[in-house]
Amino acid sequence: MVILVAANCDRFKAVFPCRGGRAAAMSEGMKSHRAISRRAAKVAPFLAMDVMREARQRLAAGDDVVRMEVGQPFGQAPRKVLEAARAAMREEPLGYTDAAGLLPLRERIARHYRETHGIDVDPARVFITTGSSGAFLLAFLAAFDAGDAVGLPNPGYPAYRNIFHALGITPRLLPAGAAQGWAPRVEEVAAKLKEGMKGLLVASPANPTGAIIDDARLRALIETVEAAGGWFISDEIYHGLTYERPATTALAFSERAIVINSFSKYYAMTGWRIGWMVLPDELRRVAEVLGQNLFISAPTISQHAAIAAFDATEELQERRAGYAANRDLLLNELPRIGLGALAPADGAFYLYADVSHLTNDSITLSRRLLREARVAVTSGLDFDPLDGGRFLRLSYAGSHDDMARAVERLAAWMKENA
């Protein structure tokens, strides 16, 4: 079996701050001039986006690359969304909206919680954002001060900790791997809260693992955080994309939880940059003031189009069935070619593969797979700065034909390099 040597920190410090290498190098550079802020220097590149750039360059040059590096649904947004956008362009002024968003969209989101979860949500608590990314920024600014420590599951979505770094907030990485059942342990969260941690953010289903937190643990995490006076933030952007059991919203257990969702994943509207938060009453006004100053409002045409997304259920469920078929294909075939150590994949559209039998340098492995197998995947170092060199994340949000071609190419590469 091919063994790839461990990454040398200096070799990769331009793309990832391994054990302080990049940050230290930047600190040295700042002694002579103040080109960038110290907070910006702590923000690591999003490696999946770097892989996406190279994959696009290769495709533009005529190379045939299978895209599994980013969580982006293939194809266009639902037909009803496109029709609503066209109608808005003809009939609406498309000027600024209130910072919190169009009232009809907020009312439709509130109705969604009633129909899907049986929970009554006041539309006044719903805040429309520029994707989940804008929601994270507003929520973090509203709930935490610079210098606060906030818990994050590890592995987890890298933008959480990088936004924290940019805001001067300290991320506390909490083990959430196989040994912990793919979610932070309640006991460890409680211990960190006693040490001064101010809150906890979790995602269910999670990126990169696809794991869903069971209801008992989700409730216990929320109650533990809130009993300590902290903020619980629930990233629910993969709700709707579950395969064997549903995911429960944090609103089922708390009215004080901050819930974040997006139209990018289940609703297949990534480039429309539209998402939402459900806020506790005490954060509504501060989020509005922050939104007024940072964004003015979310894109107006996207807000009009998003209302129609809730009426595209048939098309969206067909798309979800396609992801399920992709998932089944990969879960059946990857173990046969030597990639069988996988996280649960309860939801979302990712497989998180342990490749430690091949390497502890998944950056180099991902580059080789792109250039030699023509399959774009993402290094686990994006999601786990401590142990991610042993993992790869593969997105199955593409077409079924693409997934079949990826299996063929990965099988051939594994056979040639074994």
Protein backbone atom coordinates (compact mmCIF):
# COMPACT_ATOMS: atom_id res chain seq x y z
CA MET A 1 0.00 0.00 0.00
CA VAL A 2 1.34 3.46 -0.87
CA ILE A 3 2.46 5.48 2.14
CA LEU A 4 2.74 9.25 1.88
CA VAL A 5 5.16 10.92 4.28
CA ALA A 6 4.01 13.46 6.87
CA ALA A 7 3.67 17.02 5.70
CA ASN A 8 6.54 19.36 6.45
CA CYS A 9 5.12 22.43 8.21
CA ASP A 10 7.24 24.93 6.27
CA ARG A 11 6.22 23.31 3.00
CA PHE A 12 2.52 23.93 3.66
CA LYS A 13 2.58 27.09 5.76
CA ALA A 14 1.41 29.09 2.75
CA VAL A 15 -1.86 27.13 2.65
CA PHE A 16 -2.42 26.01 6.24
CA PRO A 17 -1.08 27.17 9.63
CA CYS A 18 0.30 23.84 10.82
CA ARG A 19 1.24 24.07 14.50
CA GLY A 20 1.74 27.80 14.38
CA GLY A 21 4.03 27.87 11.32
CA ARG A 22 2.02 30.27 9.20
CA ALA A 23 0.97 32.51 12.05
CA ALA A 24 4.56 32.69 13.30
CA ALA A 25 5.83 33.54 9.83
CA MET A 26 3.27 36.30 9.50
CA SER A 27 4.19 37.65 12.92
CA GLU A 28 7.81 37.90 11.78
CA GLY A 29 6.70 39.76 8.67
CA MET A 30 4.66 42.21 10.71
CA LYS A 31 7.71 43.29 12.68
CA SER A 32 8.90 45.23 9.66
CA HIS A 33 5.53 46.53 8.42
CA ARG A 34 1.86 46.43 9.41
CA ALA A 35 0.38 45.12 6.18
CA ILE A 36 -2.39 43.07 7.78
CA SER A 37 -3.98 42.79 11.20
CA ARG A 38 -3.01 40.14 13.72
CA ARG A 39 -6.57 38.82 13.65
CA ALA A 40 -6.45 38.41 9.87
CA ALA A 41 -3.14 36.60 10.20
CA LYS A 42 -4.87 33.92 12.30
CA VAL A 43 -7.44 33.15 9.60
CA ALA A 44 -6.41 30.04 7.66
CA PRO A 45 -7.29 29.45 4.01
CA PHE A 46 -10.42 27.39 3.29
CA LEU A 47 -8.64 24.53 1.55
CA ALA A 48 -11.81 23.24 -0.13
CA MET A 49 -12.04 26.54 -2.01
CA ASP A 50 -8.40 26.25 -3.07
CA VAL A 51 -9.10 22.78 -4.44
CA MET A 52 -12.22 24.12 -6.17
CA ARG A 53 -10.15 26.81 -7.87
CA GLU A 54 -7.65 24.28 -9.23
CA ALA A 55 -10.43 21.91 -10.31
CA ARG A 56 -12.11 24.74 -12.24
CA GLN A 57 -8.81 25.71 -13.85
CA ARG A 58 -8.30 22.13 -15.00
CA LEU A 59 -11.83 21.91 -16.35
CA ALA A 60 -11.34 25.20 -18.21
CA ALA A 61 -8.16 23.78 -19.73
CA GLY A 62 -10.10 20.79 -21.06
CA ASP A 63 -9.28 18.26 -18.34
CA ASP A 64 -12.07 15.92 -17.21
CA VAL A 65 -12.33 16.31 -13.42
CA VAL A 66 -15.00 14.82 -11.15
CA ARG A 67 -15.96 17.42 -8.55
CA MET A 68 -16.27 16.11 -4.96
CA GLU A 69 -14.47 18.93 -3.16
CA VAL A 70 -17.26 21.33 -2.16
CA GLY A 71 -20.77 20.97 -0.80
CA GLN A 72 -22.56 22.52 -3.74
CA PRO A 73 -25.70 20.94 -5.21
CA PHE A 74 -25.34 20.30 -8.92
CA GLY A 75 -27.60 21.93 -11.48
CA GLN A 76 -29.83 24.95 -11.12
CA ALA A 77 -32.05 26.13 -8.31
CA PRO A 78 -35.62 24.74 -8.33
CA ARG A 79 -37.83 25.83 -11.23
CA LYS A 80 -40.26 27.68 -8.97
CA VAL A 81 -37.37 29.66 -7.50
CA LEU A 82 -36.20 30.69 -10.96
CA GLU A 83 -39.75 31.66 -11.94
CA ALA A 84 -40.14 33.75 -8.80
CA ALA A 85 -36.85 35.52 -9.50
CA ARG A 86 -37.94 36.35 -13.04
CA ALA A 87 -41.25 37.69 -11.77
CA ALA A 88 -39.48 39.82 -9.16
CA MET A 89 -37.21 41.31 -11.81
CA ARG A 90 -40.26 42.31 -13.84
CA GLU A 91 -42.52 43.49 -11.04
CA GLU A 92 -40.50 44.50 -7.96
CA PRO A 93 -38.28 47.56 -7.39
CA LEU A 94 -35.58 45.33 -5.81
CA GLY A 95 -34.33 48.07 -3.53
CA TYR A 96 -33.16 47.65 0.04
CA THR A 97 -35.39 45.71 2.41
CA ASP A 98 -35.54 46.02 6.18
CA ALA A 99 -32.35 44.72 7.72
CA ALA A 100 -34.25 41.71 9.07
CA GLY A 101 -35.64 40.91 5.62
CA LEU A 102 -38.93 40.81 3.77
CA LEU A 103 -41.85 40.11 6.07
CA PRO A 104 -43.49 37.60 3.66
CA LEU A 105 -40.28 35.53 3.66
CA ARG A 106 -39.98 35.68 7.45
CA GLU A 107 -43.62 34.64 7.76
CA ARG A 108 -43.06 31.75 5.36
CA ILE A 109 -40.07 30.55 7.37
CA ALA A 110 -42.13 30.69 10.56
CA ARG A 111 -44.80 28.62 8.83
CA HIS A 112 -42.10 26.14 7.82
CA TYR A 113 -41.25 25.51 11.47
CA ARG A 114 -44.91 24.96 12.28
CA GLU A 115 -45.45 22.55 9.37
CA THR A 116 -42.15 20.67 9.64
CA HIS A 117 -41.44 20.64 13.37
CA GLY A 118 -44.74 21.53 15.00
CA ILE A 119 -43.15 24.60 16.59
CA ASP A 120 -44.65 28.09 16.64
CA VAL A 121 -42.07 30.75 15.81
CA ASP A 122 -42.89 34.47 15.84
CA PRO A 123 -41.84 35.91 12.43
CA ALA A 124 -40.33 38.82 14.39
CA ARG A 125 -37.66 36.36 15.63
CA VAL A 126 -36.67 35.42 12.06
CA PHE A 127 -33.78 37.38 10.55
CA ILE A 128 -32.83 37.01 6.87
CA THR A 129 -29.09 36.91 6.17
CA THR A 130 -26.58 36.77 3.34
CA GLY A 131 -26.31 33.01 3.51
CA SER A 132 -25.42 31.16 6.67
CA SER A 133 -22.05 32.95 6.57
CA GLY A 134 -23.74 36.29 7.24
CA ALA A 135 -25.78 34.64 9.98
CA PHE A 136 -22.67 33.35 11.72
CA LEU A 137 -21.07 36.78 11.65
CA LEU A 138 -24.12 38.52 13.06
CA ALA A 139 -24.80 35.84 15.67
CA PHE A 140 -21.22 35.78 16.91
CA LEU A 141 -21.05 39.57 17.13
CA ALA A 142 -24.39 39.74 18.93
CA ALA A 143 -23.69 37.00 21.46
CA PHE A 144 -19.96 37.19 22.23
CA ASP A 145 -17.26 39.71 23.05
CA ALA A 146 -13.69 39.76 21.82
CA GLY A 147 -11.71 37.54 24.15
CA ASP A 148 -14.61 35.17 24.87
CA ALA A 149 -14.03 31.44 24.40
CA VAL A 150 -16.66 29.43 22.54
CA GLY A 151 -16.79 25.68 22.06
CA LEU A 152 -16.69 24.06 18.62
CA PRO A 153 -16.84 20.37 17.67
CA ASN A 154 -13.64 18.98 16.16
CA PRO A 155 -13.85 17.98 13.33
CA GLY A 156 -16.13 20.77 12.19
CA TYR A 157 -16.78 23.39 9.55
CA PRO A 158 -13.61 25.54 9.34
CA ALA A 159 -15.35 28.89 8.87
CA TYR A 160 -16.62 28.75 12.47
CA ARG A 161 -13.19 29.00 14.00
CA ASN A 162 -11.87 31.33 11.31
CA ILE A 163 -14.70 33.82 11.82
CA PHE A 164 -14.00 33.59 15.56
CA HIS A 165 -10.34 34.41 14.91
CA ALA A 166 -11.31 37.37 12.73
CA LEU A 167 -13.54 38.70 15.52
CA GLY A 168 -11.03 38.14 18.32
CA ILE A 169 -13.08 35.28 19.80
CA THR A 170 -11.20 32.17 20.97
CA PRO A 171 -12.38 28.83 19.54
CA ARG A 172 -12.24 25.93 22.00
CA LEU A 173 -12.00 22.76 19.95
CA LEU A 174 -13.90 19.92 21.62
CA PRO A 175 -13.23 16.33 20.50
CA ALA A 176 -16.17 15.09 18.43
CA GLY A 177 -14.78 12.10 16.59
CA ALA A 178 -15.64 8.42 16.62
CA ALA A 179 -14.62 8.01 20.28
CA GLN A 180 -17.12 10.71 21.30
CA GLY A 181 -19.95 9.45 19.07
CA TRP A 182 -19.29 12.25 16.54
CA ALA A 183 -20.51 15.02 18.86
CA PRO A 184 -19.02 16.82 21.89
CA ARG A 185 -19.53 15.02 25.18
CA VAL A 186 -21.81 16.76 27.65
CA GLU A 187 -19.32 16.25 30.48
CA GLU A 188 -16.51 17.97 28.60
CA VAL A 189 -18.76 20.86 27.62
CA ALA A 190 -19.78 21.28 31.26
CA ALA A 191 -16.14 21.29 32.35
CA LYS A 192 -15.20 23.93 29.78
CA LEU A 193 -18.14 26.10 30.79
CA LYS A 194 -16.90 26.02 34.39
CA GLU A 195 -13.52 27.20 33.08
CA GLY A 196 -15.19 30.25 31.50
CA MET A 197 -16.36 29.11 28.06
CA LYS A 198 -19.26 31.37 26.98
CA GLY A 199 -21.15 29.16 24.56
CA LEU A 200 -21.23 26.20 22.21
CA LEU A 201 -21.93 25.81 18.50
CA VAL A 202 -22.92 22.46 16.99
CA ALA A 203 -24.18 21.30 13.61
CA SER A 204 -26.57 18.41 13.06
CA PRO A 205 -26.24 16.97 10.45
CA ALA A 206 -22.60 17.93 10.65
CA ASN A 207 -20.00 18.95 8.12
CA PRO A 208 -17.74 17.03 7.37
CA THR A 209 -19.07 13.85 9.01
CA GLY A 210 -22.75 13.91 8.16
CA ALA A 211 -23.46 12.80 11.73
CA ILE A 212 -26.78 13.63 13.43
CA ILE A 213 -26.82 14.33 17.16
CA ASP A 214 -29.46 12.22 18.87
CA ASP A 215 -32.24 14.07 20.65
CA ALA A 216 -31.15 13.12 24.17
CA ARG A 217 -27.64 14.48 23.69
CA LEU A 218 -28.85 17.58 21.86
CA ARG A 219 -31.22 18.39 24.71
CA ALA A 220 -28.51 17.74 27.30
CA LEU A 221 -26.01 19.98 25.49
CA ILE A 222 -28.53 22.82 25.25
CA GLU A 223 -29.57 22.54 28.89
CA THR A 224 -25.95 22.37 30.06
CA VAL A 225 -24.95 25.49 28.12
CA GLU A 226 -28.00 27.50 29.11
CA ALA A 227 -27.77 26.50 32.78
CA ALA A 228 -24.29 28.04 32.76
CA GLY A 229 -25.63 31.27 31.21
CA GLY A 230 -24.04 30.58 27.83
CA TRP A 231 -25.36 30.81 24.28
CA PHE A 232 -26.17 27.67 22.31
CA ILE A 233 -25.91 28.06 18.52
CA SER A 234 -27.36 25.36 16.28
CA ASP A 235 -26.22 25.18 12.65
CA GLU A 236 -29.10 23.45 10.85
CA ILE A 237 -28.21 24.16 7.23
CA TYR A 238 -28.37 20.45 6.31
CA HIS A 239 -31.86 19.92 7.69
CA GLY A 240 -33.94 18.26 4.99
CA LEU A 241 -30.95 16.20 3.87
CA THR A 242 -31.25 13.13 6.11
CA TYR A 243 -31.49 9.51 5.03
CA GLU A 244 -32.32 7.15 7.88
CA ARG A 245 -33.55 9.35 10.72
CA PRO A 246 -34.62 12.99 10.86
CA ALA A 247 -32.71 15.81 12.51
CA THR A 248 -34.38 17.73 15.34
CA THR A 249 -34.21 21.51 15.54
CA ALA A 250 -32.77 23.03 18.71
CA LEU A 251 -35.98 25.07 18.93
CA ALA A 252 -37.70 21.88 20.12
CA PHE A 253 -35.75 22.20 23.37
CA SER A 254 -35.15 25.92 23.81
CA GLU A 255 -36.52 29.33 22.82
CA ARG A 256 -33.18 30.86 23.73
CA ALA A 257 -31.11 28.85 21.25
CA ILE A 258 -29.77 30.69 18.21
CA VAL A 259 -30.71 28.65 15.14
CA ILE A 260 -29.04 29.19 11.78
CA ASN A 261 -30.22 27.81 8.46
CA SER A 262 -29.69 28.47 4.77
CA PHE A 263 -31.25 28.06 1.36
CA SER A 264 -27.92 26.83 -0.03
CA LYS A 265 -28.02 23.11 0.68
CA TYR A 266 -31.45 21.43 0.72
CA TYR A 267 -32.94 24.25 -1.34
CA ALA A 268 -30.01 24.21 -3.82
CA MET A 269 -29.50 28.00 -3.87
CA THR A 270 -25.78 28.32 -3.04
CA GLY A 271 -24.93 31.34 -5.19
CA TRP A 272 -28.06 33.24 -4.21
CA ARG A 273 -26.46 33.98 -0.81
CA ILE A 274 -29.60 33.77 1.29
CA GLY A 275 -30.11 32.27 4.73
CA TRP A 276 -31.81 32.94 8.04
CA MET A 277 -31.57 32.95 11.81
CA VAL A 278 -34.16 32.37 14.49
CA LEU A 279 -33.14 34.55 17.41
CA PRO A 280 -34.22 34.83 21.03
CA ASP A 281 -36.10 38.05 21.71
CA GLU A 282 -33.18 39.63 23.57
CA LEU A 283 -30.93 39.48 20.48
CA ARG A 284 -33.41 40.72 17.89
CA ARG A 285 -32.63 44.44 18.13
CA VAL A 286 -28.87 44.06 18.41
CA ALA A 287 -28.85 41.79 15.33
CA GLU A 288 -30.93 44.37 13.47
CA VAL A 289 -28.52 47.17 14.32
CA LEU A 290 -25.52 45.07 13.34
CA GLY A 291 -27.21 44.02 10.10
CA GLN A 292 -28.09 47.61 9.22
CA ASN A 293 -24.45 48.62 9.49
CA LEU A 294 -22.68 45.55 8.10
CA PHE A 295 -24.98 44.45 5.27
CA ILE A 296 -27.98 46.86 5.08
CA SER A 297 -30.02 43.85 3.96
CA ALA A 298 -29.73 40.48 2.26
CA PRO A 299 -30.04 40.42 -1.57
CA THR A 300 -33.60 41.45 -2.35
CA ILE A 301 -34.09 39.33 -5.46
CA SER A 302 -32.89 36.28 -3.52
CA GLN A 303 -35.41 37.00 -0.78
CA HIS A 304 -38.30 37.07 -3.25
CA ALA A 305 -37.07 33.87 -4.87
CA ALA A 306 -36.58 32.10 -1.54
CA ILE A 307 -40.27 32.39 -0.70
CA ALA A 308 -40.97 30.07 -3.63
CA ALA A 309 -38.41 27.51 -2.44
CA PHE A 310 -40.88 26.20 0.13
CA ASP A 311 -43.31 25.36 -2.69
CA ALA A 312 -40.71 23.33 -4.62
CA THR A 313 -40.94 20.30 -2.35
CA GLU A 314 -41.48 17.72 -5.10
CA GLU A 315 -38.40 18.81 -7.05
CA LEU A 316 -36.31 19.13 -3.89
CA GLN A 317 -37.28 15.66 -2.69
CA GLU A 318 -36.30 14.24 -6.07
CA ARG A 319 -32.93 15.90 -5.65
CA ARG A 320 -32.61 14.49 -2.13
CA ALA A 321 -33.38 11.03 -3.52
CA GLY A 322 -30.50 11.54 -5.92
CA TYR A 323 -28.15 12.30 -3.04
CA ALA A 324 -29.42 9.18 -1.28
CA ALA A 325 -28.61 7.09 -4.36
CA ASN A 326 -25.14 8.65 -4.53
CA ARG A 327 -24.64 7.90 -0.84
CA ASP A 328 -25.68 4.27 -1.29
CA LEU A 329 -23.32 3.86 -4.24
CA LEU A 330 -20.34 5.25 -2.35
CA LEU A 331 -21.09 3.40 0.89
CA ASN A 332 -21.20 0.16 -1.09
CA GLU A 333 -18.22 0.75 -3.37
CA LEU A 334 -15.65 2.71 -1.38
CA PRO A 335 -15.01 -0.09 1.15
CA ARG A 336 -14.30 -2.44 -1.76
CA ILE A 337 -11.47 -0.22 -2.99
CA GLY A 338 -9.88 0.37 0.41
CA LEU A 339 -11.76 3.45 1.65
CA GLY A 340 -14.11 1.84 4.14
CA ALA A 341 -13.41 3.69 7.40
CA LEU A 342 -16.21 6.24 7.12
CA ALA A 343 -18.07 8.53 9.54
CA PRO A 344 -21.83 7.87 9.94
CA ALA A 345 -23.13 9.90 6.96
CA ASP A 346 -26.58 10.21 8.58
CA GLY A 347 -27.26 13.40 6.64
CA ALA A 348 -25.82 16.26 4.53
CA PHE A 349 -23.96 15.02 1.43
CA TYR A 350 -20.47 14.19 2.66
CA LEU A 351 -18.39 11.16 3.46
CA TYR A 352 -15.53 11.64 5.89
CA ALA A 353 -12.97 8.93 5.21
CA ASP A 354 -10.13 7.83 7.47
CA VAL A 355 -7.14 7.38 5.15
CA SER A 356 -4.52 6.83 7.85
CA HIS A 357 -3.64 3.48 6.25
CA LEU A 358 -2.43 5.55 3.28
CA THR A 359 -1.05 8.73 4.80
CA ASN A 360 -1.03 11.30 7.55
CA ASP A 361 -0.65 14.01 4.88
CA SER A 362 -4.08 14.33 3.30
CA ILE A 363 -3.14 17.61 1.60
CA THR A 364 -0.65 15.80 -0.60
CA LEU A 365 -3.06 12.90 -1.07
CA SER A 366 -5.86 15.22 -2.20
CA ARG A 367 -3.50 16.92 -4.66
CA ARG A 368 -2.40 13.59 -6.08
CA LEU A 369 -5.99 12.42 -6.48
CA LEU A 370 -6.85 15.60 -8.36
CA ARG A 371 -3.84 15.48 -10.66
CA GLU A 372 -3.46 11.72 -11.13
CA ALA A 373 -6.99 10.33 -10.67
CA ARG A 374 -8.81 13.50 -11.80
CA VAL A 375 -11.05 13.43 -8.72
CA ALA A 376 -11.25 16.58 -6.59
CA VAL A 377 -11.62 15.92 -2.84
CA THR A 378 -10.80 17.93 0.27
CA SER A 379 -8.17 17.37 2.94
CA GLY A 380 -9.44 16.72 6.44
CA LEU A 381 -7.12 19.47 7.69
CA ASP A 382 -9.83 21.93 6.69
CA PHE A 383 -12.09 20.45 9.34
CA ASP A 384 -9.65 19.18 11.96
CA PRO A 385 -6.42 21.16 12.38
CA LEU A 386 -5.16 18.62 14.92
CA ASP A 387 -5.72 15.24 13.26
CA GLY A 388 -7.19 16.03 9.85
CA GLY A 389 -4.09 14.88 8.02
CA ARG A 390 -5.51 11.38 8.35
CA PHE A 391 -8.87 12.17 6.69
CA LEU A 392 -10.45 13.17 3.40
CA ARG A 393 -13.91 14.63 2.83
CA LEU A 394 -15.81 13.61 -0.29
CA SER A 395 -18.96 15.43 -1.35
CA TYR A 396 -21.66 13.43 -3.13
CA ALA A 397 -23.75 16.45 -4.12
CA GLY A 398 -22.96 15.87 -7.80
CA SER A 399 -24.73 13.77 -10.39
CA HIS A 400 -24.98 9.99 -10.09
CA ASP A 401 -22.91 9.56 -13.26
CA ASP A 402 -20.17 11.67 -11.71
CA MET A 403 -20.17 9.54 -8.57
CA ALA A 404 -19.87 6.36 -10.63
CA ARG A 405 -16.96 7.82 -12.58
CA ALA A 406 -15.30 8.89 -9.34
CA VAL A 407 -15.49 5.34 -7.99
CA GLU A 408 -13.93 3.96 -11.18
CA ARG A 409 -11.09 6.48 -11.08
CA LEU A 410 -10.41 6.07 -7.36
CA ALA A 411 -10.42 2.28 -7.75
CA ALA A 412 -7.90 2.47 -10.59
CA TRP A 413 -5.69 4.87 -8.62
CA MET A 414 -5.78 2.70 -5.51
CA LYS A 415 -4.93 -0.40 -7.55
CA GLU A 416 -2.01 1.31 -9.27
CA ASN A 417 -0.61 2.75 -6.06
CA ALA A 418 -1.20 -0.21 -3.76
